[in-house]
Amino acid sequence: MKATWTSVFIAALFEVIWVIGLKHADSILAWIGTILSIIISFYLMIMAGRKIAVGTVYAVFVGLGTAGTVLSDILFFDEPFQGEKLFLIFLLLLGVIGLKIVTKESTQKGEER
């Protein structure tokens, strides 16, 4: 199960990369990196959806991606710091952690645990 959750977290990291790429890509190489990041993030998310409830995978993926994107904007792209934003990101991350805690990994037919 750890490997499955790790792939969700890595997928969210690549989501942050491709979202930033959509805004800031200005060369063919940057666009190729953005497209590769999209492919990697969605592939990892889809594979995780085979073991964990899809709704939970998607919520965690989007929650972590959103938090990472907002924090990246603040840290790297001079977005103004707002305490309210950080508080709301904290609440979002609490929800993501809660979903991870209460979600069990499922087995598919023919698999053993």
PDB file of N, CA and C in Angstrom:
ATOM      1  N   MET A   1       0.828  -1.196   0.000  1.00  0.00           N
ATOM      2  CA  MET A   1       0.000   0.000   0.000  1.00  0.00           C
ATOM      3  C   MET A   1       0.868   1.254   0.000  1.00  0.00           C
ATOM      4  N   LYS A   2       2.020   1.189   0.662  1.00  0.00           N
ATOM      5  CA  LYS A   2       2.899   2.359   0.679  1.00  0.00           C
ATOM      6  C   LYS A   2       3.300   2.772  -0.723  1.00  0.00           C
ATOM      7  N   ALA A   3       3.598   1.792  -1.563  1.00  0.00           N
ATOM      8  CA  ALA A   3       4.011   2.100  -2.935  1.00  0.00           C
ATOM      9  C   ALA A   3       2.888   2.793  -3.697  1.00  0.00           C
ATOM     10  N   THR A   4       1.658   2.377  -3.467  1.00  0.00           N
ATOM     11  CA  THR A   4       0.520   2.989  -4.161  1.00  0.00           C
ATOM     12  C   THR A   4       0.355   4.442  -3.733  1.00  0.00           C
ATOM     13  N   TRP A   5       0.418   4.701  -2.436  1.00  0.00           N
ATOM     14  CA  TRP A   5       0.302   6.083  -1.951  1.00  0.00           C
ATOM     15  C   TRP A   5       1.493   6.917  -2.405  1.00  0.00           C
ATOM     16  N   THR A   6       2.663   6.312  -2.461  1.00  0.00           N
ATOM     17  CA  THR A   6       3.837   7.033  -2.947  1.00  0.00           C
ATOM     18  C   THR A   6       3.635   7.469  -4.391  1.00  0.00           C
ATOM     19  N   SER A   7       3.019   6.603  -5.203  1.00  0.00           N
ATOM     20  CA  SER A   7       2.774   6.981  -6.592  1.00  0.00           C
ATOM     21  C   SER A   7       1.770   8.135  -6.686  1.00  0.00           C
ATOM     22  N   VAL A   8       0.806   8.202  -5.762  1.00  0.00           N
ATOM     23  CA  VAL A   8      -0.133   9.333  -5.741  1.00  0.00           C
ATOM     24  C   VAL A   8       0.615  10.627  -5.418  1.00  0.00           C
ATOM     25  N   PHE A   9       1.525  10.566  -4.438  1.00  0.00           N
ATOM     26  CA  PHE A   9       2.290  11.760  -4.068  1.00  0.00           C
ATOM     27  C   PHE A   9       3.222  12.202  -5.203  1.00  0.00           C
ATOM     28  N   ILE A  10       3.842  11.252  -5.878  1.00  0.00           N
ATOM     29  CA  ILE A  10       4.706  11.587  -7.015  1.00  0.00           C
ATOM     30  C   ILE A  10       3.866  12.163  -8.155  1.00  0.00           C
ATOM     31  N   ALA A  11       2.688  11.592  -8.377  1.00  0.00           N
ATOM     32  CA  ALA A  11       1.785  12.121  -9.403  1.00  0.00           C
ATOM     33  C   ALA A  11       1.417  13.570  -9.096  1.00  0.00           C
ATOM     34  N   ALA A  12       1.164  13.874  -7.825  1.00  0.00           N
ATOM     35  CA  ALA A  12       0.831  15.246  -7.427  1.00  0.00           C
ATOM     36  C   ALA A  12       2.015  16.180  -7.653  1.00  0.00           C
ATOM     37  N   LEU A  13       3.219  15.695  -7.408  1.00  0.00           N
ATOM     38  CA  LEU A  13       4.414  16.507  -7.662  1.00  0.00           C
ATOM     39  C   LEU A  13       4.523  16.837  -9.150  1.00  0.00           C
ATOM     40  N   PHE A  14       4.292  15.845 -10.005  1.00  0.00           N
ATOM     41  CA  PHE A  14       4.316  16.102 -11.438  1.00  0.00           C
ATOM     42  C   PHE A  14       3.161  17.004 -11.865  1.00  0.00           C
ATOM     43  N   GLU A  15       2.059  16.950 -11.137  1.00  0.00           N
ATOM     44  CA  GLU A  15       0.957  17.872 -11.441  1.00  0.00           C
ATOM     45  C   GLU A  15       1.394  19.307 -11.216  1.00  0.00           C
ATOM     46  N   VAL A  16       2.089  19.550 -10.119  1.00  0.00           N
ATOM     47  CA  VAL A  16       2.590  20.899  -9.841  1.00  0.00           C
ATOM     48  C   VAL A  16       3.505  21.352 -10.986  1.00  0.00           C
ATOM     49  N   ILE A  17       4.366  20.454 -11.443  1.00  0.00           N
ATOM     50  CA  ILE A  17       5.297  20.796 -12.517  1.00  0.00           C
ATOM     51  C   ILE A  17       4.548  21.147 -13.798  1.00  0.00           C
ATOM     52  N   TRP A  18       3.535  20.333 -14.169  1.00  0.00           N
ATOM     53  CA  TRP A  18       2.861  20.632 -15.434  1.00  0.00           C
ATOM     54  C   TRP A  18       1.958  21.852 -15.339  1.00  0.00           C
ATOM     55  N   VAL A  19       1.380  22.105 -14.176  1.00  0.00           N
ATOM     56  CA  VAL A  19       0.548  23.309 -14.037  1.00  0.00           C
ATOM     57  C   VAL A  19       1.421  24.563 -14.160  1.00  0.00           C
ATOM     58  N   ILE A  20       2.584  24.530 -13.516  1.00  0.00           N
ATOM     59  CA  ILE A  20       3.512  25.655 -13.644  1.00  0.00           C
ATOM     60  C   ILE A  20       3.970  25.772 -15.103  1.00  0.00           C
ATOM     61  N   GLY A  21       4.228  24.623 -15.740  1.00  0.00           N
ATOM     62  CA  GLY A  21       4.642  24.632 -17.136  1.00  0.00           C
ATOM     63  C   GLY A  21       3.595  25.246 -18.051  1.00  0.00           C
ATOM     64  N   LEU A  22       2.317  24.997 -17.776  1.00  0.00           N
ATOM     65  CA  LEU A  22       1.269  25.575 -18.617  1.00  0.00           C
ATOM     66  C   LEU A  22       1.314  27.101 -18.595  1.00  0.00           C
ATOM     67  N   LYS A  23       1.703  27.652 -17.466  1.00  0.00           N
ATOM     68  CA  LYS A  23       1.737  29.107 -17.341  1.00  0.00           C
ATOM     69  C   LYS A  23       3.062  29.706 -17.835  1.00  0.00           C
ATOM     70  N   HIS A  24       4.158  29.002 -17.576  1.00  0.00           N
ATOM     71  CA  HIS A  24       5.465  29.617 -17.787  1.00  0.00           C
ATOM     72  C   HIS A  24       6.282  29.038 -18.935  1.00  0.00           C
ATOM     73  N   ALA A  25       5.810  27.993 -19.604  1.00  0.00           N
ATOM     74  CA  ALA A  25       6.586  27.405 -20.701  1.00  0.00           C
ATOM     75  C   ALA A  25       6.683  28.396 -21.849  1.00  0.00           C
ATOM     76  N   ASP A  26       7.923  28.611 -22.302  1.00  0.00           N
ATOM     77  CA  ASP A  26       8.130  29.575 -23.374  1.00  0.00           C
ATOM     78  C   ASP A  26       9.097  29.058 -24.448  1.00  0.00           C
ATOM     79  N   SER A  27       9.380  27.767 -24.387  1.00  0.00           N
ATOM     80  CA  SER A  27      10.245  27.171 -25.410  1.00  0.00           C
ATOM     81  C   SER A  27       9.739  25.765 -25.714  1.00  0.00           C
ATOM     82  N   ILE A  28      10.206  25.214 -26.792  1.00  0.00           N
ATOM     83  CA  ILE A  28       9.778  23.870 -27.190  1.00  0.00           C
ATOM     84  C   ILE A  28      10.195  22.868 -26.124  1.00  0.00           C
ATOM     85  N   LEU A  29      11.387  23.038 -25.548  1.00  0.00           N
ATOM     86  CA  LEU A  29      11.873  22.126 -24.513  1.00  0.00           C
ATOM     87  C   LEU A  29      10.988  22.197 -23.261  1.00  0.00           C
ATOM     88  N   ALA A  30      10.589  23.401 -22.879  1.00  0.00           N
ATOM     89  CA  ALA A  30       9.707  23.561 -21.716  1.00  0.00           C
ATOM     90  C   ALA A  30       8.344  22.917 -21.981  1.00  0.00           C
ATOM     91  N   TRP A  31       7.844  23.046 -23.198  1.00  0.00           N
ATOM     92  CA  TRP A  31       6.557  22.426 -23.537  1.00  0.00           C
ATOM     93  C   TRP A  31       6.659  20.905 -23.547  1.00  0.00           C
ATOM     94  N   ILE A  32       7.782  20.375 -24.011  1.00  0.00           N
ATOM     95  CA  ILE A  32       7.979  18.918 -23.979  1.00  0.00           C
ATOM     96  C   ILE A  32       7.999  18.429 -22.532  1.00  0.00           C
ATOM     97  N   GLY A  33       8.700  19.153 -21.666  1.00  0.00           N
ATOM     98  CA  GLY A  33       8.715  18.807 -20.238  1.00  0.00           C
ATOM     99  C   GLY A  33       7.330  18.866 -19.619  1.00  0.00           C
ATOM    100  N   THR A  34       6.555  19.861 -20.008  1.00  0.00           N
ATOM    101  CA  THR A  34       5.188  19.994 -19.500  1.00  0.00           C
ATOM    102  C   THR A  34       4.331  18.814 -19.938  1.00  0.00           C
ATOM    103  N   ILE A  35       4.431  18.456 -21.193  1.00  0.00           N
ATOM    104  CA  ILE A  35       3.641  17.334 -21.720  1.00  0.00           C
ATOM    105  C   ILE A  35       4.056  16.024 -21.060  1.00  0.00           C
ATOM    106  N   LEU A  36       5.354  15.813 -20.893  1.00  0.00           N
ATOM    107  CA  LEU A  36       5.826  14.605 -20.203  1.00  0.00           C
ATOM    108  C   LEU A  36       5.331  14.560 -18.758  1.00  0.00           C
ATOM    109  N   SER A  37       5.315  15.710 -18.103  1.00  0.00           N
ATOM    110  CA  SER A  37       4.811  15.772 -16.729  1.00  0.00           C
ATOM    111  C   SER A  37       3.331  15.419 -16.657  1.00  0.00           C
ATOM    112  N   ILE A  38       2.551  15.867 -17.635  1.00  0.00           N
ATOM    113  CA  ILE A  38       1.128  15.519 -17.692  1.00  0.00           C
ATOM    114  C   ILE A  38       0.975  14.007 -17.832  1.00  0.00           C
ATOM    115  N   ILE A  39       1.721  13.431 -18.751  1.00  0.00           N
ATOM    116  CA  ILE A  39       1.621  11.988 -18.996  1.00  0.00           C
ATOM    117  C   ILE A  39       2.011  11.201 -17.747  1.00  0.00           C
ATOM    118  N   ILE A  40       3.121  11.563 -17.125  1.00  0.00           N
ATOM    119  CA  ILE A  40       3.581  10.849 -15.925  1.00  0.00           C
ATOM    120  C   ILE A  40       2.579  10.988 -14.791  1.00  0.00           C
ATOM    121  N   SER A  41       2.081  12.200 -14.546  1.00  0.00           N
ATOM    122  CA  SER A  41       1.168  12.404 -13.419  1.00  0.00           C
ATOM    123  C   SER A  41      -0.131  11.622 -13.604  1.00  0.00           C
ATOM    124  N   PHE A  42      -0.680  11.648 -14.814  1.00  0.00           N
ATOM    125  CA  PHE A  42      -1.931  10.928 -15.030  1.00  0.00           C
ATOM    126  C   PHE A  42      -1.729   9.415 -15.031  1.00  0.00           C
ATOM    127  N   TYR A  43      -0.609   8.955 -15.571  1.00  0.00           N
ATOM    128  CA  TYR A  43      -0.325   7.516 -15.539  1.00  0.00           C
ATOM    129  C   TYR A  43      -0.241   7.019 -14.094  1.00  0.00           C
ATOM    130  N   LEU A  44       0.512   7.726 -13.260  1.00  0.00           N
ATOM    131  CA  LEU A  44       0.648   7.301 -11.857  1.00  0.00           C
ATOM    132  C   LEU A  44      -0.691   7.355 -11.127  1.00  0.00           C
ATOM    133  N   MET A  45      -1.487   8.392 -11.406  1.00  0.00           N
ATOM    134  CA  MET A  45      -2.790   8.507 -10.758  1.00  0.00           C
ATOM    135  C   MET A  45      -3.709   7.368 -11.201  1.00  0.00           C
ATOM    136  N   ILE A  46      -3.707   7.040 -12.473  1.00  0.00           N
ATOM    137  CA  ILE A  46      -4.558   5.956 -12.978  1.00  0.00           C
ATOM    138  C   ILE A  46      -4.141   4.622 -12.379  1.00  0.00           C
ATOM    139  N   MET A  47      -2.845   4.376 -12.295  1.00  0.00           N
ATOM    140  CA  MET A  47      -2.360   3.122 -11.709  1.00  0.00           C
ATOM    141  C   MET A  47      -2.733   3.023 -10.219  1.00  0.00           C
ATOM    142  N   ALA A  48      -2.662   4.123  -9.509  1.00  0.00           N
ATOM    143  CA  ALA A  48      -3.050   4.118  -8.098  1.00  0.00           C
ATOM    144  C   ALA A  48      -4.542   3.850  -7.948  1.00  0.00           C
ATOM    145  N   GLY A  49      -5.340   4.315  -8.920  1.00  0.00           N
ATOM    146  CA  GLY A  49      -6.786   4.096  -8.891  1.00  0.00           C
ATOM    147  C   GLY A  49      -7.176   2.632  -9.007  1.00  0.00           C
ATOM    148  N   ARG A  50      -6.251   1.790  -9.395  1.00  0.00           N
ATOM    149  CA  ARG A  50      -6.528   0.352  -9.457  1.00  0.00           C
ATOM    150  C   ARG A  50      -6.478  -0.294  -8.076  1.00  0.00           C
ATOM    151  N   LYS A  51      -5.807   0.348  -7.134  1.00  0.00           N
ATOM    152  CA  LYS A  51      -5.645  -0.225  -5.786  1.00  0.00           C
ATOM    153  C   LYS A  51      -6.386   0.561  -4.707  1.00  0.00           C
ATOM    154  N   ILE A  52      -6.621   1.837  -4.953  1.00  0.00           N
ATOM    155  CA  ILE A  52      -7.270   2.716  -3.979  1.00  0.00           C
ATOM    156  C   ILE A  52      -8.509   3.289  -4.651  1.00  0.00           C
ATOM    157  N   ALA A  53      -9.532   3.591  -3.873  1.00  0.00           N
ATOM    158  CA  ALA A  53     -10.759   4.171  -4.426  1.00  0.00           C
ATOM    159  C   ALA A  53     -10.424   5.385  -5.296  1.00  0.00           C
ATOM    160  N   VAL A  54     -10.979   5.408  -6.491  1.00  0.00           N
ATOM    161  CA  VAL A  54     -10.651   6.448  -7.467  1.00  0.00           C
ATOM    162  C   VAL A  54     -10.972   7.845  -6.933  1.00  0.00           C
ATOM    163  N   GLY A  55     -12.097   7.981  -6.247  1.00  0.00           N
ATOM    164  CA  GLY A  55     -12.457   9.291  -5.693  1.00  0.00           C
ATOM    165  C   GLY A  55     -11.426   9.783  -4.696  1.00  0.00           C
ATOM    166  N   THR A  56     -10.915   8.891  -3.895  1.00  0.00           N
ATOM    167  CA  THR A  56      -9.899   9.255  -2.912  1.00  0.00           C
ATOM    168  C   THR A  56      -8.593   9.615  -3.609  1.00  0.00           C
ATOM    169  N   VAL A  57      -8.194   8.807  -4.584  1.00  0.00           N
ATOM    170  CA  VAL A  57      -6.966   9.094  -5.333  1.00  0.00           C
ATOM    171  C   VAL A  57      -7.056  10.473  -5.974  1.00  0.00           C
ATOM    172  N   TYR A  58      -8.175  10.746  -6.607  1.00  0.00           N
ATOM    173  CA  TYR A  58      -8.334  12.021  -7.294  1.00  0.00           C
ATOM    174  C   TYR A  58      -8.324  13.191  -6.302  1.00  0.00           C
ATOM    175  N   ALA A  59      -9.021  13.036  -5.181  1.00  0.00           N
ATOM    176  CA  ALA A  59      -9.064  14.106  -4.181  1.00  0.00           C
ATOM    177  C   ALA A  59      -7.671  14.391  -3.617  1.00  0.00           C
ATOM    178  N   VAL A  60      -6.922  13.345  -3.317  1.00  0.00           N
ATOM    179  CA  VAL A  60      -5.572  13.531  -2.790  1.00  0.00           C
ATOM    180  C   VAL A  60      -4.673  14.151  -3.862  1.00  0.00           C
ATOM    181  N   PHE A  61      -4.754  13.650  -5.076  1.00  0.00           N
ATOM    182  CA  PHE A  61      -3.972  14.166  -6.204  1.00  0.00           C
ATOM    183  C   PHE A  61      -4.218  15.661  -6.405  1.00  0.00           C
ATOM    184  N   VAL A  62      -5.478  16.040  -6.483  1.00  0.00           N
ATOM    185  CA  VAL A  62      -5.820  17.444  -6.726  1.00  0.00           C
ATOM    186  C   VAL A  62      -5.484  18.303  -5.505  1.00  0.00           C
ATOM    187  N   GLY A  63      -5.750  17.791  -4.303  1.00  0.00           N
ATOM    188  CA  GLY A  63      -5.453  18.553  -3.091  1.00  0.00           C
ATOM    189  C   GLY A  63      -3.976  18.858  -2.948  1.00  0.00           C
ATOM    190  N   LEU A  64      -3.142  17.831  -3.106  1.00  0.00           N
ATOM    191  CA  LEU A  64      -1.698  18.042  -3.006  1.00  0.00           C
ATOM    192  C   LEU A  64      -1.190  18.902  -4.162  1.00  0.00           C
ATOM    193  N   GLY A  65      -1.737  18.683  -5.342  1.00  0.00           N
ATOM    194  CA  GLY A  65      -1.333  19.489  -6.489  1.00  0.00           C
ATOM    195  C   GLY A  65      -1.683  20.959  -6.301  1.00  0.00           C
ATOM    196  N   THR A  66      -2.867  21.215  -5.772  1.00  0.00           N
ATOM    197  CA  THR A  66      -3.289  22.593  -5.515  1.00  0.00           C
ATOM    198  C   THR A  66      -2.388  23.247  -4.482  1.00  0.00           C
ATOM    199  N   ALA A  67      -2.160  22.545  -3.382  1.00  0.00           N
ATOM    200  CA  ALA A  67      -1.300  23.084  -2.328  1.00  0.00           C
ATOM    201  C   ALA A  67       0.106  23.349  -2.864  1.00  0.00           C
ATOM    202  N   GLY A  68       0.647  22.404  -3.604  1.00  0.00           N
ATOM    203  CA  GLY A  68       1.990  22.575  -4.161  1.00  0.00           C
ATOM    204  C   GLY A  68       2.078  23.716  -5.150  1.00  0.00           C
ATOM    205  N   THR A  69       1.048  23.884  -5.963  1.00  0.00           N
ATOM    206  CA  THR A  69       1.050  24.959  -6.952  1.00  0.00           C
ATOM    207  C   THR A  69       0.978  26.321  -6.277  1.00  0.00           C
ATOM    208  N   VAL A  70       0.105  26.467  -5.291  1.00  0.00           N
ATOM    209  CA  VAL A  70      -0.012  27.751  -4.582  1.00  0.00           C
ATOM    210  C   VAL A  70       1.290  28.067  -3.851  1.00  0.00           C
ATOM    211  N   LEU A  71       1.862  27.078  -3.173  1.00  0.00           N
ATOM    212  CA  LEU A  71       3.120  27.312  -2.460  1.00  0.00           C
ATOM    213  C   LEU A  71       4.256  27.632  -3.436  1.00  0.00           C
ATOM    214  N   SER A  72       4.281  26.971  -4.585  1.00  0.00           N
ATOM    215  CA  SER A  72       5.304  27.274  -5.598  1.00  0.00           C
ATOM    216  C   SER A  72       5.157  28.698  -6.119  1.00  0.00           C
ATOM    217  N   ASP A  73       3.924  29.125  -6.335  1.00  0.00           N
ATOM    218  CA  ASP A  73       3.696  30.507  -6.775  1.00  0.00           C
ATOM    219  C   ASP A  73       4.251  31.499  -5.763  1.00  0.00           C
ATOM    220  N   ILE A  74       4.023  31.222  -4.487  1.00  0.00           N
ATOM    221  CA  ILE A  74       4.505  32.122  -3.437  1.00  0.00           C
ATOM    222  C   ILE A  74       6.031  32.096  -3.361  1.00  0.00           C
ATOM    223  N   LEU A  75       6.615  30.902  -3.396  1.00  0.00           N
ATOM    224  CA  LEU A  75       8.058  30.768  -3.206  1.00  0.00           C
ATOM    225  C   LEU A  75       8.885  31.161  -4.425  1.00  0.00           C
ATOM    226  N   PHE A  76       8.397  30.853  -5.635  1.00  0.00           N
ATOM    227  CA  PHE A  76       9.230  31.014  -6.822  1.00  0.00           C
ATOM    228  C   PHE A  76       8.771  32.105  -7.796  1.00  0.00           C
ATOM    229  N   PHE A  77       7.516  32.525  -7.711  1.00  0.00           N
ATOM    230  CA  PHE A  77       6.994  33.435  -8.726  1.00  0.00           C
ATOM    231  C   PHE A  77       6.406  34.715  -8.135  1.00  0.00           C
ATOM    232  N   ASP A  78       6.855  35.086  -6.955  1.00  0.00           N
ATOM    233  CA  ASP A  78       6.505  36.369  -6.329  1.00  0.00           C
ATOM    234  C   ASP A  78       5.011  36.604  -6.150  1.00  0.00           C
ATOM    235  N   GLU A  79       4.250  35.531  -5.983  1.00  0.00           N
ATOM    236  CA  GLU A  79       2.829  35.680  -5.632  1.00  0.00           C
ATOM    237  C   GLU A  79       2.780  36.242  -4.211  1.00  0.00           C
ATOM    238  N   PRO A  80       1.908  37.208  -3.951  1.00  0.00           N
ATOM    239  CA  PRO A  80       1.865  37.781  -2.601  1.00  0.00           C
ATOM    240  C   PRO A  80       1.508  36.733  -1.540  1.00  0.00           C
ATOM    241  N   PHE A  81       2.198  36.792  -0.426  1.00  0.00           N
ATOM    242  CA  PHE A  81       1.933  35.904   0.709  1.00  0.00           C
ATOM    243  C   PHE A  81       0.662  36.367   1.403  1.00  0.00           C
ATOM    244  N   GLN A  82      -0.265  35.435   1.618  1.00  0.00           N
ATOM    245  CA  GLN A  82      -1.489  35.750   2.362  1.00  0.00           C
ATOM    246  C   GLN A  82      -1.706  34.646   3.386  1.00  0.00           C
ATOM    247  N   GLY A  83      -1.833  35.048   4.639  1.00  0.00           N
ATOM    248  CA  GLY A  83      -2.069  34.080   5.703  1.00  0.00           C
ATOM    249  C   GLY A  83      -3.332  33.273   5.476  1.00  0.00           C
ATOM    250  N   GLU A  84      -4.353  33.904   4.899  1.00  0.00           N
ATOM    251  CA  GLU A  84      -5.610  33.210   4.647  1.00  0.00           C
ATOM    252  C   GLU A  84      -5.405  32.041   3.681  1.00  0.00           C
ATOM    253  N   LYS A  85      -4.598  32.269   2.640  1.00  0.00           N
ATOM    254  CA  LYS A  85      -4.325  31.202   1.672  1.00  0.00           C
ATOM    255  C   LYS A  85      -3.638  30.023   2.351  1.00  0.00           C
ATOM    256  N   LEU A  86      -2.633  30.335   3.164  1.00  0.00           N
ATOM    257  CA  LEU A  86      -1.912  29.256   3.838  1.00  0.00           C
ATOM    258  C   LEU A  86      -2.806  28.504   4.811  1.00  0.00           C
ATOM    259  N   PHE A  87      -3.694  29.212   5.484  1.00  0.00           N
ATOM    260  CA  PHE A  87      -4.636  28.552   6.389  1.00  0.00           C
ATOM    261  C   PHE A  87      -5.552  27.613   5.613  1.00  0.00           C
ATOM    262  N   LEU A  88      -6.055  28.065   4.482  1.00  0.00           N
ATOM    263  CA  LEU A  88      -6.941  27.226   3.671  1.00  0.00           C
ATOM    264  C   LEU A  88      -6.194  26.033   3.078  1.00  0.00           C
ATOM    265  N   ILE A  89      -4.946  26.220   2.690  1.00  0.00           N
ATOM    266  CA  ILE A  89      -4.136  25.095   2.216  1.00  0.00           C
ATOM    267  C   ILE A  89      -3.944  24.088   3.348  1.00  0.00           C
ATOM    268  N   PHE A  90      -3.708  24.594   4.560  1.00  0.00           N
ATOM    269  CA  PHE A  90      -3.567  23.719   5.720  1.00  0.00           C
ATOM    270  C   PHE A  90      -4.837  22.887   5.915  1.00  0.00           C
ATOM    271  N   LEU A  91      -6.002  23.511   5.810  1.00  0.00           N
ATOM    272  CA  LEU A  91      -7.268  22.778   5.931  1.00  0.00           C
ATOM    273  C   LEU A  91      -7.404  21.736   4.824  1.00  0.00           C
ATOM    274  N   LEU A  92      -7.018  22.117   3.614  1.00  0.00           N
ATOM    275  CA  LEU A  92      -7.064  21.190   2.489  1.00  0.00           C
ATOM    276  C   LEU A  92      -6.166  19.979   2.750  1.00  0.00           C
ATOM    277  N   LEU A  93      -4.965  20.232   3.240  1.00  0.00           N
ATOM    278  CA  LEU A  93      -4.042  19.136   3.533  1.00  0.00           C
ATOM    279  C   LEU A  93      -4.539  18.257   4.672  1.00  0.00           C
ATOM    280  N   LEU A  94      -5.224  18.841   5.643  1.00  0.00           N
ATOM    281  CA  LEU A  94      -5.842  18.022   6.701  1.00  0.00           C
ATOM    282  C   LEU A  94      -6.862  17.058   6.106  1.00  0.00           C
ATOM    283  N   GLY A  95      -7.649  17.542   5.161  1.00  0.00           N
ATOM    284  CA  GLY A  95      -8.616  16.674   4.491  1.00  0.00           C
ATOM    285  C   GLY A  95      -7.933  15.561   3.704  1.00  0.00           C
ATOM    286  N   VAL A  96      -6.841  15.891   3.038  1.00  0.00           N
ATOM    287  CA  VAL A  96      -6.091  14.896   2.273  1.00  0.00           C
ATOM    288  C   VAL A  96      -5.525  13.830   3.207  1.00  0.00           C
ATOM    289  N   ILE A  97      -4.951  14.262   4.314  1.00  0.00           N
ATOM    290  CA  ILE A  97      -4.407  13.313   5.288  1.00  0.00           C
ATOM    291  C   ILE A  97      -5.525  12.437   5.847  1.00  0.00           C
ATOM    292  N   GLY A  98      -6.663  13.044   6.139  1.00  0.00           N
ATOM    293  CA  GLY A  98      -7.806  12.279   6.638  1.00  0.00           C
ATOM    294  C   GLY A  98      -8.260  11.226   5.645  1.00  0.00           C
ATOM    295  N   LEU A  99      -8.333  11.585   4.371  1.00  0.00           N
ATOM    296  CA  LEU A  99      -8.721  10.603   3.349  1.00  0.00           C
ATOM    297  C   LEU A  99      -7.717   9.458   3.279  1.00  0.00           C
ATOM    298  N   LYS A 100      -6.450   9.784   3.383  1.00  0.00           N
ATOM    299  CA  LYS A 100      -5.425   8.743   3.331  1.00  0.00           C
ATOM    300  C   LYS A 100      -5.563   7.797   4.517  1.00  0.00           C
ATOM    301  N   ILE A 101      -5.866   8.333   5.664  1.00  0.00           N
ATOM    302  CA  ILE A 101      -5.974   7.517   6.880  1.00  0.00           C
ATOM    303  C   ILE A 101      -7.161   6.563   6.804  1.00  0.00           C
ATOM    304  N   VAL A 102      -8.297   7.032   6.299  1.00  0.00           N
ATOM    305  CA  VAL A 102      -9.504   6.209   6.331  1.00  0.00           C
ATOM    306  C   VAL A 102      -9.695   5.329   5.102  1.00  0.00           C
ATOM    307  N   THR A 103      -8.856   5.475   4.084  1.00  0.00           N
ATOM    308  CA  THR A 103      -9.017   4.704   2.859  1.00  0.00           C
ATOM    309  C   THR A 103      -8.174   3.443   2.912  1.00  0.00           C
ATOM    310  N   LYS A 104      -8.820   2.330   2.569  1.00  0.00           N
ATOM    311  CA  LYS A 104      -8.126   1.053   2.532  1.00  0.00           C
ATOM    312  C   LYS A 104      -7.813   0.694   1.099  1.00  0.00           C
ATOM    313  N   GLU A 105      -6.714  -0.017   0.938  1.00  0.00           N
ATOM    314  CA  GLU A 105      -6.336  -0.504  -0.388  1.00  0.00           C
ATOM    315  C   GLU A 105      -7.220  -1.703  -0.721  1.00  0.00           C
ATOM    316  N   SER A 106      -7.639  -1.783  -1.971  1.00  0.00           N
ATOM    317  CA  SER A 106      -8.482  -2.916  -2.379  1.00  0.00           C
ATOM    318  C   SER A 106      -7.653  -3.906  -3.179  1.00  0.00           C
ATOM    319  N   THR A 107      -8.120  -5.149  -3.184  1.00  0.00           N
ATOM    320  CA  THR A 107      -7.469  -6.150  -4.015  1.00  0.00           C
ATOM    321  C   THR A 107      -8.402  -6.481  -5.167  1.00  0.00           C
ATOM    322  N   GLN A 108      -7.819  -6.800  -6.296  1.00  0.00           N
ATOM    323  CA  GLN A 108      -8.619  -7.175  -7.455  1.00  0.00           C
ATOM    324  C   GLN A 108      -8.792  -8.679  -7.457  1.00  0.00           C
ATOM    325  N   LYS A 109      -9.784  -9.161  -8.203  1.00  0.00           N
ATOM    326  CA  LYS A 109     -10.025 -10.597  -8.281  1.00  0.00           C
ATOM    327  C   LYS A 109      -8.758 -11.317  -8.724  1.00  0.00           C
ATOM    328  N   GLY A 110      -8.479 -12.412  -8.040  1.00  0.00           N
ATOM    329  CA  GLY A 110      -7.322 -13.220  -8.389  1.00  0.00           C
ATOM    330  C   GLY A 110      -6.043 -12.806  -7.695  1.00  0.00           C
ATOM    331  N   GLU A 111      -6.049 -11.656  -7.006  1.00  0.00           N
ATOM    332  CA  GLU A 111      -4.850 -11.201  -6.293  1.00  0.00           C
ATOM    333  C   GLU A 111      -4.903 -11.656  -4.850  1.00  0.00           C
ATOM    334  N   GLU A 112      -3.730 -11.845  -4.288  1.00  0.00           N
ATOM    335  CA  GLU A 112      -3.639 -12.142  -2.867  1.00  0.00           C
ATOM    336  C   GLU A 112      -3.001 -10.965  -2.170  1.00  0.00           C
ATOM    337  N   ARG A 113      -3.335 -10.805  -0.899  1.00  0.00           N
ATOM    338  CA  ARG A 113      -2.736  -9.721  -0.119  1.00  0.00           C
ATOM    339  C   ARG A 113      -1.443 -10.133   0.461  1.00  0.00           C
TER     340      ARG A 113
END
